[in-house]
């Protein structure tokens, strides 16, 4: 969008599998996201996370969702350029509202190829070198329209580094994040 700050995708370290992203969508759309009354939108528990204090927002109830899909589709080549990988086409985004007191224990995402997780309200995700909270690798900032891109695939030798991440400290309020699936080709 004219006058907007361009998207920034920055490699976190030499592992080449974790990136910081800022200004993922236009300032206009980011304003719509942050102004949304998230607590009044229909939701259900996220499949596979039914015991978590996490709401999966019903996409069809989000008034600006078509603009979201359009902008991310348009930004996809810039994301590919930023991470240095060709991707499968944009396939969708989950919107999560984590309820007050929510925490997420340290885990990896198994075989999931990758994701872009943006924080819109509340704390970001922390990444660790090992399954040990004293080995902090990167803490995503508490900043709207920013977050991380994680590539979770084996390299050419078959080695896949475990991407340990968590949100260990609970928030006093609710947290809003968007989770977009990324699959390198």
N, C-alpha and C. Protein backbone atom coordinates (compact mmCIF):
# COMPACT_ATOMS: atom_id res chain seq x y z
N UNK A 1 0.84 -1.17 0.00
CA UNK A 1 0.00 0.00 0.00
C UNK A 1 0.89 1.24 0.00
N UNK A 2 0.50 2.24 -0.74
CA UNK A 2 1.29 3.47 -0.87
C UNK A 2 1.48 4.11 0.50
N UNK A 3 2.72 4.54 0.77
CA UNK A 3 3.01 5.22 2.03
C UNK A 3 3.25 4.29 3.20
N UNK A 4 3.03 3.00 3.03
CA UNK A 4 3.25 2.05 4.12
C UNK A 4 4.73 1.75 4.28
N UNK A 5 5.10 1.38 5.48
CA UNK A 5 6.45 0.90 5.74
C UNK A 5 6.58 -0.48 5.10
N UNK A 6 7.64 -0.71 4.34
CA UNK A 6 7.77 -2.02 3.69
C UNK A 6 7.98 -3.15 4.70
N UNK A 7 7.55 -4.34 4.31
CA UNK A 7 7.74 -5.51 5.14
C UNK A 7 9.23 -5.73 5.37
N UNK A 8 9.55 -6.14 6.59
CA UNK A 8 10.92 -6.47 6.95
C UNK A 8 10.96 -7.93 7.36
N UNK A 9 11.83 -8.71 6.73
CA UNK A 9 12.07 -10.09 7.12
C UNK A 9 13.56 -10.19 7.39
N UNK A 10 13.91 -10.56 8.62
CA UNK A 10 15.32 -10.56 9.03
C UNK A 10 15.67 -11.92 9.64
N UNK A 11 16.74 -12.52 9.15
CA UNK A 11 17.26 -13.77 9.68
C UNK A 11 17.71 -13.55 11.13
N UNK A 12 17.35 -14.46 12.02
CA UNK A 12 17.70 -14.34 13.45
C UNK A 12 19.14 -14.75 13.71
N UNK A 13 19.58 -15.85 13.10
CA UNK A 13 20.94 -16.34 13.36
C UNK A 13 21.38 -17.21 12.19
N UNK A 14 22.54 -17.80 12.30
CA UNK A 14 23.14 -18.57 11.21
C UNK A 14 22.43 -19.89 10.91
N UNK A 15 21.47 -20.28 11.72
CA UNK A 15 20.75 -21.54 11.47
C UNK A 15 19.86 -21.47 10.23
N UNK A 16 19.52 -20.26 9.79
CA UNK A 16 18.73 -20.04 8.58
C UNK A 16 17.36 -20.73 8.60
N UNK A 17 16.73 -20.74 9.78
CA UNK A 17 15.40 -21.35 9.89
C UNK A 17 14.43 -20.54 10.74
N UNK A 18 14.88 -19.40 11.25
CA UNK A 18 14.03 -18.55 12.09
C UNK A 18 14.26 -17.10 11.68
N UNK A 19 13.15 -16.40 11.43
CA UNK A 19 13.21 -15.04 10.92
C UNK A 19 12.26 -14.15 11.71
N UNK A 20 12.67 -12.90 11.91
CA UNK A 20 11.78 -11.89 12.47
C UNK A 20 11.05 -11.25 11.30
N UNK A 21 9.76 -10.98 11.45
CA UNK A 21 9.00 -10.27 10.43
C UNK A 21 8.30 -9.09 11.09
N UNK A 22 8.34 -7.95 10.40
CA UNK A 22 7.64 -6.74 10.84
C UNK A 22 6.88 -6.18 9.65
N UNK A 23 5.79 -5.47 9.92
CA UNK A 23 4.98 -4.82 8.89
C UNK A 23 4.51 -5.86 7.86
N UNK A 24 3.99 -6.96 8.36
CA UNK A 24 3.57 -8.05 7.48
C UNK A 24 2.43 -7.65 6.56
N UNK A 25 1.55 -6.78 7.06
CA UNK A 25 0.43 -6.28 6.25
C UNK A 25 0.44 -4.76 6.32
N UNK A 26 -0.40 -4.14 5.51
CA UNK A 26 -0.46 -2.68 5.45
C UNK A 26 -0.86 -2.08 6.80
N UNK A 27 -0.49 -0.82 6.99
CA UNK A 27 -0.87 -0.11 8.22
C UNK A 27 -2.39 -0.02 8.33
N UNK A 28 -3.06 0.15 7.19
CA UNK A 28 -4.54 0.21 7.20
C UNK A 28 -5.13 -1.09 7.72
N UNK A 29 -4.66 -2.22 7.22
CA UNK A 29 -5.18 -3.51 7.67
C UNK A 29 -4.76 -3.79 9.11
N UNK A 30 -3.54 -3.45 9.47
CA UNK A 30 -3.09 -3.64 10.85
C UNK A 30 -3.98 -2.87 11.82
N UNK A 31 -4.41 -1.68 11.43
CA UNK A 31 -5.32 -0.90 12.27
C UNK A 31 -6.67 -1.61 12.42
N UNK A 32 -7.16 -2.20 11.34
CA UNK A 32 -8.42 -2.95 11.42
C UNK A 32 -8.28 -4.14 12.36
N UNK A 33 -7.15 -4.83 12.28
CA UNK A 33 -6.91 -6.00 13.14
C UNK A 33 -6.90 -5.56 14.60
N UNK A 34 -6.14 -4.52 14.93
CA UNK A 34 -6.00 -4.12 16.33
C UNK A 34 -7.27 -3.47 16.88
N UNK A 35 -8.13 -2.94 16.01
CA UNK A 35 -9.37 -2.32 16.46
C UNK A 35 -10.53 -3.32 16.58
N UNK A 36 -10.32 -4.55 16.18
CA UNK A 36 -11.37 -5.57 16.22
C UNK A 36 -11.74 -5.93 17.66
N UNK A 37 -13.02 -6.08 17.91
CA UNK A 37 -13.50 -6.52 19.23
C UNK A 37 -13.42 -8.05 19.27
N UNK A 38 -12.24 -8.56 19.56
CA UNK A 38 -11.97 -10.00 19.48
C UNK A 38 -12.81 -10.82 20.44
N UNK A 39 -13.19 -10.26 21.55
CA UNK A 39 -13.93 -11.03 22.55
C UNK A 39 -15.40 -11.24 22.17
N UNK A 40 -15.86 -10.56 21.11
CA UNK A 40 -17.26 -10.72 20.71
C UNK A 40 -17.42 -11.56 19.44
N UNK A 41 -16.33 -12.04 18.86
CA UNK A 41 -16.41 -12.80 17.61
C UNK A 41 -16.62 -14.29 17.93
N UNK A 42 -17.50 -14.96 17.19
CA UNK A 42 -17.72 -16.40 17.42
C UNK A 42 -16.42 -17.21 17.29
N UNK A 43 -16.33 -18.27 18.06
CA UNK A 43 -15.12 -19.07 18.12
C UNK A 43 -15.44 -20.49 18.55
N UNK A 44 -14.43 -21.36 18.44
CA UNK A 44 -14.48 -22.70 19.00
C UNK A 44 -13.08 -23.04 19.47
N UNK A 45 -12.92 -24.14 20.17
CA UNK A 45 -11.59 -24.56 20.59
C UNK A 45 -10.82 -25.06 19.36
N UNK A 46 -9.52 -24.78 19.34
CA UNK A 46 -8.66 -25.21 18.25
C UNK A 46 -8.55 -26.74 18.27
N UNK A 47 -8.77 -27.34 17.10
CA UNK A 47 -8.65 -28.79 17.00
C UNK A 47 -7.25 -29.22 17.41
N UNK A 48 -7.17 -30.24 18.26
CA UNK A 48 -5.90 -30.72 18.77
C UNK A 48 -5.41 -29.96 19.99
N UNK A 49 -6.10 -28.86 20.32
CA UNK A 49 -5.72 -28.04 21.48
C UNK A 49 -6.95 -27.76 22.34
N UNK A 50 -7.88 -28.71 22.37
CA UNK A 50 -9.17 -28.49 23.04
C UNK A 50 -9.04 -28.19 24.53
N UNK A 51 -7.94 -28.62 25.16
CA UNK A 51 -7.76 -28.37 26.59
C UNK A 51 -7.00 -27.08 26.88
N UNK A 52 -6.61 -26.38 25.83
CA UNK A 52 -5.90 -25.12 26.00
C UNK A 52 -6.91 -23.99 26.18
N UNK A 53 -6.49 -22.91 26.83
CA UNK A 53 -7.33 -21.71 26.97
C UNK A 53 -7.16 -20.84 25.72
N UNK A 54 -7.40 -21.47 24.56
CA UNK A 54 -7.21 -20.81 23.26
C UNK A 54 -8.50 -20.90 22.47
N UNK A 55 -8.90 -19.77 21.93
CA UNK A 55 -10.08 -19.69 21.05
C UNK A 55 -9.62 -19.61 19.60
N UNK A 56 -10.18 -20.43 18.76
CA UNK A 56 -9.95 -20.33 17.31
C UNK A 56 -11.13 -19.53 16.77
N UNK A 57 -10.82 -18.34 16.28
CA UNK A 57 -11.86 -17.43 15.80
C UNK A 57 -12.44 -17.96 14.48
N UNK A 58 -13.74 -17.86 14.33
CA UNK A 58 -14.40 -18.25 13.09
C UNK A 58 -14.08 -17.21 12.03
N UNK A 59 -13.29 -17.61 11.03
CA UNK A 59 -12.82 -16.68 10.00
C UNK A 59 -13.96 -15.91 9.33
N UNK A 60 -15.06 -16.57 9.09
CA UNK A 60 -16.16 -15.92 8.36
C UNK A 60 -16.79 -14.77 9.15
N UNK A 61 -16.49 -14.69 10.45
CA UNK A 61 -17.04 -13.61 11.27
C UNK A 61 -16.12 -12.39 11.31
N UNK A 62 -14.95 -12.49 10.70
CA UNK A 62 -13.99 -11.37 10.70
C UNK A 62 -14.32 -10.47 9.50
N UNK A 63 -14.72 -9.21 9.73
CA UNK A 63 -15.21 -8.37 8.63
C UNK A 63 -14.16 -8.05 7.57
N UNK A 64 -12.90 -8.04 7.88
CA UNK A 64 -11.84 -7.68 6.95
C UNK A 64 -11.05 -8.89 6.44
N UNK A 65 -11.56 -10.10 6.63
CA UNK A 65 -10.79 -11.30 6.30
C UNK A 65 -10.43 -11.40 4.82
N UNK A 66 -11.29 -10.94 3.93
CA UNK A 66 -10.95 -10.97 2.50
C UNK A 66 -9.76 -10.08 2.19
N UNK A 67 -9.70 -8.92 2.83
CA UNK A 67 -8.55 -8.02 2.65
C UNK A 67 -7.28 -8.69 3.18
N UNK A 68 -7.40 -9.40 4.31
CA UNK A 68 -6.25 -10.13 4.86
C UNK A 68 -5.72 -11.14 3.84
N UNK A 69 -6.60 -11.98 3.33
CA UNK A 69 -6.18 -13.01 2.37
C UNK A 69 -5.55 -12.38 1.13
N UNK A 70 -6.15 -11.30 0.66
CA UNK A 70 -5.63 -10.63 -0.53
C UNK A 70 -4.23 -10.06 -0.27
N UNK A 71 -4.05 -9.38 0.85
CA UNK A 71 -2.74 -8.79 1.14
C UNK A 71 -1.66 -9.86 1.34
N UNK A 72 -1.99 -10.93 2.06
CA UNK A 72 -0.97 -11.96 2.26
C UNK A 72 -0.62 -12.65 0.94
N UNK A 73 -1.61 -12.87 0.10
CA UNK A 73 -1.32 -13.45 -1.22
C UNK A 73 -0.38 -12.54 -2.01
N UNK A 74 -0.61 -11.23 -1.93
CA UNK A 74 0.24 -10.27 -2.64
C UNK A 74 1.64 -10.19 -2.02
N UNK A 75 1.76 -10.40 -0.72
CA UNK A 75 3.04 -10.30 -0.03
C UNK A 75 3.85 -11.60 -0.10
N UNK A 76 3.26 -12.66 -0.61
CA UNK A 76 3.88 -13.98 -0.56
C UNK A 76 5.26 -14.00 -1.22
N UNK A 77 5.40 -13.34 -2.36
CA UNK A 77 6.71 -13.34 -3.03
C UNK A 77 7.74 -12.57 -2.21
N UNK A 78 7.33 -11.53 -1.50
CA UNK A 78 8.26 -10.79 -0.63
C UNK A 78 8.69 -11.67 0.55
N UNK A 79 7.77 -12.49 1.05
CA UNK A 79 8.12 -13.42 2.13
C UNK A 79 9.12 -14.45 1.59
N UNK A 80 8.86 -14.99 0.40
CA UNK A 80 9.79 -15.94 -0.22
C UNK A 80 11.17 -15.33 -0.36
N UNK A 81 11.22 -14.10 -0.84
CA UNK A 81 12.50 -13.42 -1.02
C UNK A 81 13.19 -13.21 0.32
N UNK A 82 12.43 -12.83 1.34
CA UNK A 82 12.99 -12.57 2.66
C UNK A 82 13.59 -13.80 3.33
N UNK A 83 12.98 -14.96 3.10
CA UNK A 83 13.49 -16.19 3.74
C UNK A 83 14.36 -17.00 2.79
N UNK A 84 14.45 -16.57 1.54
CA UNK A 84 15.32 -17.25 0.58
C UNK A 84 14.86 -18.63 0.17
N UNK A 85 13.53 -18.83 0.13
CA UNK A 85 12.97 -20.13 -0.24
C UNK A 85 11.71 -19.93 -1.05
N UNK A 86 11.50 -20.79 -2.01
CA UNK A 86 10.25 -20.83 -2.76
C UNK A 86 9.22 -21.55 -1.90
N UNK A 87 8.01 -21.02 -1.85
CA UNK A 87 6.95 -21.58 -1.00
C UNK A 87 5.77 -22.09 -1.81
N UNK A 88 5.03 -23.00 -1.22
CA UNK A 88 3.72 -23.34 -1.76
C UNK A 88 2.87 -22.08 -1.65
N UNK A 89 1.83 -21.94 -2.48
CA UNK A 89 0.98 -20.73 -2.39
C UNK A 89 0.36 -20.55 -1.00
N UNK A 90 0.04 -19.31 -0.68
CA UNK A 90 -0.63 -18.98 0.58
C UNK A 90 -1.88 -19.84 0.72
N UNK A 91 -2.05 -20.46 1.90
CA UNK A 91 -3.17 -21.39 2.08
C UNK A 91 -4.09 -21.05 3.24
N UNK A 92 -3.82 -19.96 3.94
CA UNK A 92 -4.75 -19.58 4.99
C UNK A 92 -4.08 -19.22 6.30
N UNK A 93 -4.89 -18.64 7.18
CA UNK A 93 -4.44 -18.15 8.48
C UNK A 93 -5.46 -18.52 9.53
N UNK A 94 -4.98 -18.97 10.67
CA UNK A 94 -5.83 -19.18 11.84
C UNK A 94 -5.68 -17.97 12.75
N UNK A 95 -6.77 -17.53 13.32
CA UNK A 95 -6.76 -16.42 14.28
C UNK A 95 -7.06 -16.99 15.65
N UNK A 96 -6.17 -16.71 16.60
CA UNK A 96 -6.29 -17.24 17.95
C UNK A 96 -6.42 -16.12 18.96
N UNK A 97 -7.32 -16.32 19.91
CA UNK A 97 -7.39 -15.47 21.09
C UNK A 97 -7.07 -16.37 22.28
N UNK A 98 -5.95 -16.10 22.91
CA UNK A 98 -5.55 -16.83 24.10
C UNK A 98 -6.10 -16.10 25.31
N UNK A 99 -6.82 -16.83 26.14
CA UNK A 99 -7.50 -16.24 27.27
C UNK A 99 -6.52 -15.84 28.38
N UNK A 100 -6.91 -14.90 29.25
CA UNK A 100 -6.03 -14.50 30.35
C UNK A 100 -5.52 -15.72 31.12
N UNK A 101 -4.24 -15.71 31.46
CA UNK A 101 -3.63 -16.82 32.17
C UNK A 101 -3.07 -17.90 31.26
N UNK A 102 -3.30 -17.80 29.95
CA UNK A 102 -2.81 -18.80 29.00
C UNK A 102 -1.28 -18.90 29.05
N UNK A 103 -0.79 -20.12 29.02
CA UNK A 103 0.63 -20.40 28.82
C UNK A 103 0.73 -21.52 27.80
N UNK A 104 1.88 -21.64 27.21
CA UNK A 104 2.13 -22.71 26.25
C UNK A 104 3.48 -23.31 26.61
N UNK A 105 3.48 -24.57 27.02
CA UNK A 105 4.72 -25.20 27.45
C UNK A 105 5.69 -25.37 26.28
N UNK A 106 6.94 -25.60 26.60
CA UNK A 106 7.96 -25.75 25.59
C UNK A 106 7.67 -26.98 24.73
N UNK A 107 7.73 -26.76 23.41
CA UNK A 107 7.41 -27.83 22.46
C UNK A 107 8.06 -27.55 21.11
N UNK A 108 8.02 -28.53 20.24
CA UNK A 108 8.36 -28.33 18.84
C UNK A 108 7.07 -28.56 18.06
N UNK A 109 7.07 -28.19 16.79
CA UNK A 109 5.88 -28.40 15.97
C UNK A 109 5.96 -29.68 15.15
N UNK A 110 6.77 -30.62 15.61
CA UNK A 110 6.85 -31.91 14.93
C UNK A 110 7.28 -31.76 13.49
N UNK A 111 6.52 -32.35 12.60
CA UNK A 111 6.86 -32.36 11.18
C UNK A 111 6.23 -31.21 10.39
N UNK A 112 5.50 -30.30 11.06
CA UNK A 112 4.92 -29.18 10.34
C UNK A 112 6.02 -28.41 9.61
N UNK A 113 5.85 -28.15 8.30
CA UNK A 113 6.94 -27.55 7.53
C UNK A 113 7.33 -26.13 7.93
N UNK A 114 6.38 -25.33 8.38
CA UNK A 114 6.72 -23.97 8.76
C UNK A 114 5.50 -23.15 9.07
N UNK A 115 5.75 -21.94 9.58
CA UNK A 115 4.64 -21.05 9.93
C UNK A 115 5.12 -19.62 10.04
N UNK A 116 4.15 -18.72 9.96
CA UNK A 116 4.36 -17.31 10.26
C UNK A 116 3.37 -16.98 11.38
N UNK A 117 3.88 -16.62 12.53
CA UNK A 117 3.05 -16.35 13.71
C UNK A 117 3.24 -14.89 14.08
N UNK A 118 2.19 -14.10 13.91
CA UNK A 118 2.23 -12.67 14.21
C UNK A 118 1.49 -12.39 15.50
N UNK A 119 2.05 -11.51 16.30
CA UNK A 119 1.41 -11.08 17.54
C UNK A 119 0.66 -9.78 17.27
N UNK A 120 -0.57 -9.72 17.71
CA UNK A 120 -1.39 -8.51 17.54
C UNK A 120 -1.69 -7.85 18.87
N UNK A 121 -1.73 -8.64 19.92
CA UNK A 121 -1.98 -8.12 21.27
C UNK A 121 -1.40 -9.13 22.25
N UNK A 122 -0.56 -8.65 23.16
CA UNK A 122 0.00 -9.53 24.18
C UNK A 122 1.41 -9.98 23.86
N UNK A 123 1.93 -10.88 24.69
CA UNK A 123 3.33 -11.29 24.57
C UNK A 123 3.59 -12.17 23.35
N UNK A 124 4.83 -12.15 22.90
CA UNK A 124 5.25 -12.97 21.79
C UNK A 124 5.77 -14.33 22.25
N UNK A 125 6.22 -15.11 21.30
CA UNK A 125 6.73 -16.46 21.53
C UNK A 125 8.24 -16.41 21.76
N UNK A 126 8.73 -17.26 22.64
CA UNK A 126 10.16 -17.39 22.87
C UNK A 126 10.66 -18.69 22.25
N UNK A 127 11.84 -18.63 21.63
CA UNK A 127 12.50 -19.80 21.06
C UNK A 127 13.73 -20.13 21.89
N UNK A 128 14.02 -21.42 21.98
CA UNK A 128 15.13 -21.91 22.80
C UNK A 128 16.01 -22.85 21.98
N UNK A 129 17.29 -22.89 22.35
CA UNK A 129 18.22 -23.80 21.66
C UNK A 129 17.94 -25.25 22.03
N UNK A 130 17.50 -25.46 23.26
CA UNK A 130 17.24 -26.82 23.76
C UNK A 130 15.95 -26.79 24.56
N UNK A 131 15.50 -27.94 25.01
CA UNK A 131 14.31 -27.99 25.85
C UNK A 131 14.67 -27.58 27.27
N UNK A 132 15.08 -26.32 27.37
CA UNK A 132 15.58 -25.78 28.62
C UNK A 132 15.37 -24.27 28.59
N UNK A 133 14.58 -23.71 29.50
CA UNK A 133 14.28 -22.28 29.45
C UNK A 133 15.49 -21.37 29.66
N UNK A 134 16.62 -21.91 30.08
CA UNK A 134 17.81 -21.07 30.25
C UNK A 134 18.59 -20.91 28.95
N UNK A 135 18.11 -21.52 27.85
CA UNK A 135 18.84 -21.48 26.57
C UNK A 135 18.11 -20.61 25.54
N UNK A 136 17.67 -19.44 25.95
CA UNK A 136 16.89 -18.56 25.07
C UNK A 136 17.65 -18.29 23.77
N UNK A 137 16.96 -18.51 22.68
CA UNK A 137 17.51 -18.23 21.35
C UNK A 137 16.98 -16.90 20.82
N UNK A 138 15.68 -16.69 20.97
CA UNK A 138 15.06 -15.46 20.46
C UNK A 138 13.70 -15.26 21.12
N UNK A 139 13.40 -14.05 21.49
CA UNK A 139 12.10 -13.67 22.04
C UNK A 139 11.42 -12.73 21.06
N UNK A 140 10.28 -13.14 20.52
CA UNK A 140 9.57 -12.25 19.61
C UNK A 140 9.01 -11.08 20.43
N UNK A 141 9.02 -9.89 19.85
CA UNK A 141 8.59 -8.71 20.61
C UNK A 141 7.07 -8.66 20.77
N UNK A 142 6.65 -7.92 21.78
CA UNK A 142 5.23 -7.64 21.97
C UNK A 142 4.91 -6.42 21.11
N UNK A 143 4.65 -6.69 19.82
CA UNK A 143 4.50 -5.63 18.83
C UNK A 143 3.46 -6.06 17.79
N UNK A 144 2.40 -5.28 17.60
CA UNK A 144 1.42 -5.64 16.57
C UNK A 144 2.05 -5.68 15.18
N UNK A 145 1.54 -6.60 14.35
CA UNK A 145 1.96 -6.71 12.95
C UNK A 145 3.41 -7.17 12.84
N UNK A 146 3.86 -7.93 13.84
CA UNK A 146 5.22 -8.45 13.86
C UNK A 146 5.22 -9.82 14.51
N UNK A 147 6.27 -10.57 14.26
CA UNK A 147 6.38 -11.90 14.86
C UNK A 147 7.54 -12.66 14.25
N UNK A 148 7.29 -13.93 13.96
CA UNK A 148 8.35 -14.77 13.43
C UNK A 148 7.87 -15.61 12.25
N UNK A 149 8.83 -16.03 11.45
CA UNK A 149 8.63 -17.07 10.44
C UNK A 149 9.58 -18.19 10.81
N UNK A 150 9.04 -19.39 10.91
CA UNK A 150 9.83 -20.56 11.27
C UNK A 150 9.79 -21.55 10.11
N UNK A 151 10.95 -22.03 9.70
CA UNK A 151 11.04 -23.08 8.70
C UNK A 151 11.51 -24.33 9.42
N UNK A 152 10.71 -25.37 9.36
CA UNK A 152 10.90 -26.55 10.19
C UNK A 152 11.14 -27.78 9.32
N UNK A 153 12.07 -27.67 8.39
CA UNK A 153 12.33 -28.78 7.47
C UNK A 153 13.76 -29.26 7.58
N UNK A 154 13.96 -30.50 7.19
CA UNK A 154 15.30 -31.08 7.17
C UNK A 154 16.12 -30.42 6.07
N UNK A 155 17.42 -30.33 6.31
CA UNK A 155 18.30 -29.80 5.28
C UNK A 155 18.64 -30.90 4.26
N UNK A 156 19.56 -30.62 3.35
CA UNK A 156 19.88 -31.56 2.27
C UNK A 156 20.50 -32.87 2.79
N UNK A 157 21.01 -32.87 4.02
CA UNK A 157 21.58 -34.09 4.59
C UNK A 157 20.56 -34.88 5.41
N UNK A 158 19.35 -34.31 5.57
CA UNK A 158 18.32 -34.97 6.36
C UNK A 158 18.25 -34.50 7.80
N UNK A 159 19.13 -33.58 8.20
CA UNK A 159 19.14 -33.07 9.56
C UNK A 159 18.07 -32.00 9.73
N UNK A 160 17.27 -32.11 10.79
CA UNK A 160 16.27 -31.10 11.11
C UNK A 160 16.47 -30.69 12.56
N UNK A 161 16.86 -29.43 12.76
CA UNK A 161 17.05 -28.90 14.10
C UNK A 161 15.70 -28.78 14.78
N UNK A 162 15.61 -29.19 16.03
CA UNK A 162 14.38 -29.03 16.78
C UNK A 162 14.19 -27.56 17.11
N UNK A 163 13.00 -27.05 16.82
CA UNK A 163 12.68 -25.63 17.04
C UNK A 163 11.84 -25.51 18.32
N UNK A 164 12.51 -25.57 19.47
CA UNK A 164 11.83 -25.47 20.76
C UNK A 164 11.31 -24.05 20.95
N UNK A 165 10.02 -23.94 21.30
CA UNK A 165 9.44 -22.63 21.56
C UNK A 165 8.32 -22.75 22.58
N UNK A 166 7.96 -21.60 23.17
CA UNK A 166 7.00 -21.60 24.27
C UNK A 166 6.53 -20.19 24.58
N UNK A 167 5.49 -20.11 25.39
CA UNK A 167 5.08 -18.88 26.07
C UNK A 167 4.88 -19.28 27.53
N UNK A 168 5.93 -19.15 28.32
CA UNK A 168 5.95 -19.71 29.67
C UNK A 168 5.31 -18.82 30.72
N UNK A 169 5.30 -17.50 30.50
CA UNK A 169 4.71 -16.58 31.48
C UNK A 169 3.30 -16.19 31.04
N UNK A 170 2.33 -16.36 31.92
CA UNK A 170 0.95 -16.02 31.54
C UNK A 170 0.74 -14.52 31.41
N UNK A 171 -0.19 -14.17 30.54
CA UNK A 171 -0.58 -12.78 30.35
C UNK A 171 -1.76 -12.48 31.26
N UNK A 172 -1.82 -11.25 31.78
CA UNK A 172 -2.95 -10.85 32.62
C UNK A 172 -4.20 -10.59 31.80
N UNK A 173 -4.03 -10.41 30.50
CA UNK A 173 -5.13 -10.09 29.61
C UNK A 173 -5.16 -11.13 28.48
N UNK A 174 -6.03 -10.95 27.54
CA UNK A 174 -6.06 -11.88 26.41
C UNK A 174 -5.00 -11.50 25.40
N UNK A 175 -4.59 -12.49 24.61
CA UNK A 175 -3.57 -12.33 23.57
C UNK A 175 -4.19 -12.68 22.23
N UNK A 176 -3.89 -11.91 21.19
CA UNK A 176 -4.38 -12.18 19.84
C UNK A 176 -3.19 -12.44 18.93
N UNK A 177 -3.23 -13.56 18.21
CA UNK A 177 -2.19 -13.88 17.24
C UNK A 177 -2.81 -14.43 15.97
N UNK A 178 -2.07 -14.30 14.88
CA UNK A 178 -2.45 -14.94 13.62
C UNK A 178 -1.38 -15.98 13.30
N UNK A 179 -1.82 -17.12 12.80
CA UNK A 179 -0.93 -18.24 12.53
C UNK A 179 -1.15 -18.67 11.08
N UNK A 180 -0.15 -18.41 10.23
CA UNK A 180 -0.25 -18.70 8.81
C UNK A 180 0.68 -19.87 8.48
N UNK A 181 0.12 -20.86 7.79
CA UNK A 181 0.89 -22.03 7.41
C UNK A 181 1.84 -21.68 6.28
N UNK A 182 3.08 -22.17 6.39
CA UNK A 182 4.10 -21.97 5.37
C UNK A 182 4.69 -23.32 5.03
N UNK A 183 4.73 -23.62 3.73
CA UNK A 183 5.30 -24.88 3.27
C UNK A 183 6.29 -24.62 2.15
N UNK A 184 7.59 -24.72 2.45
CA UNK A 184 8.57 -24.57 1.38
C UNK A 184 8.41 -25.66 0.32
N UNK A 185 8.76 -25.30 -0.91
CA UNK A 185 8.67 -26.28 -2.00
C UNK A 185 9.88 -27.18 -2.01
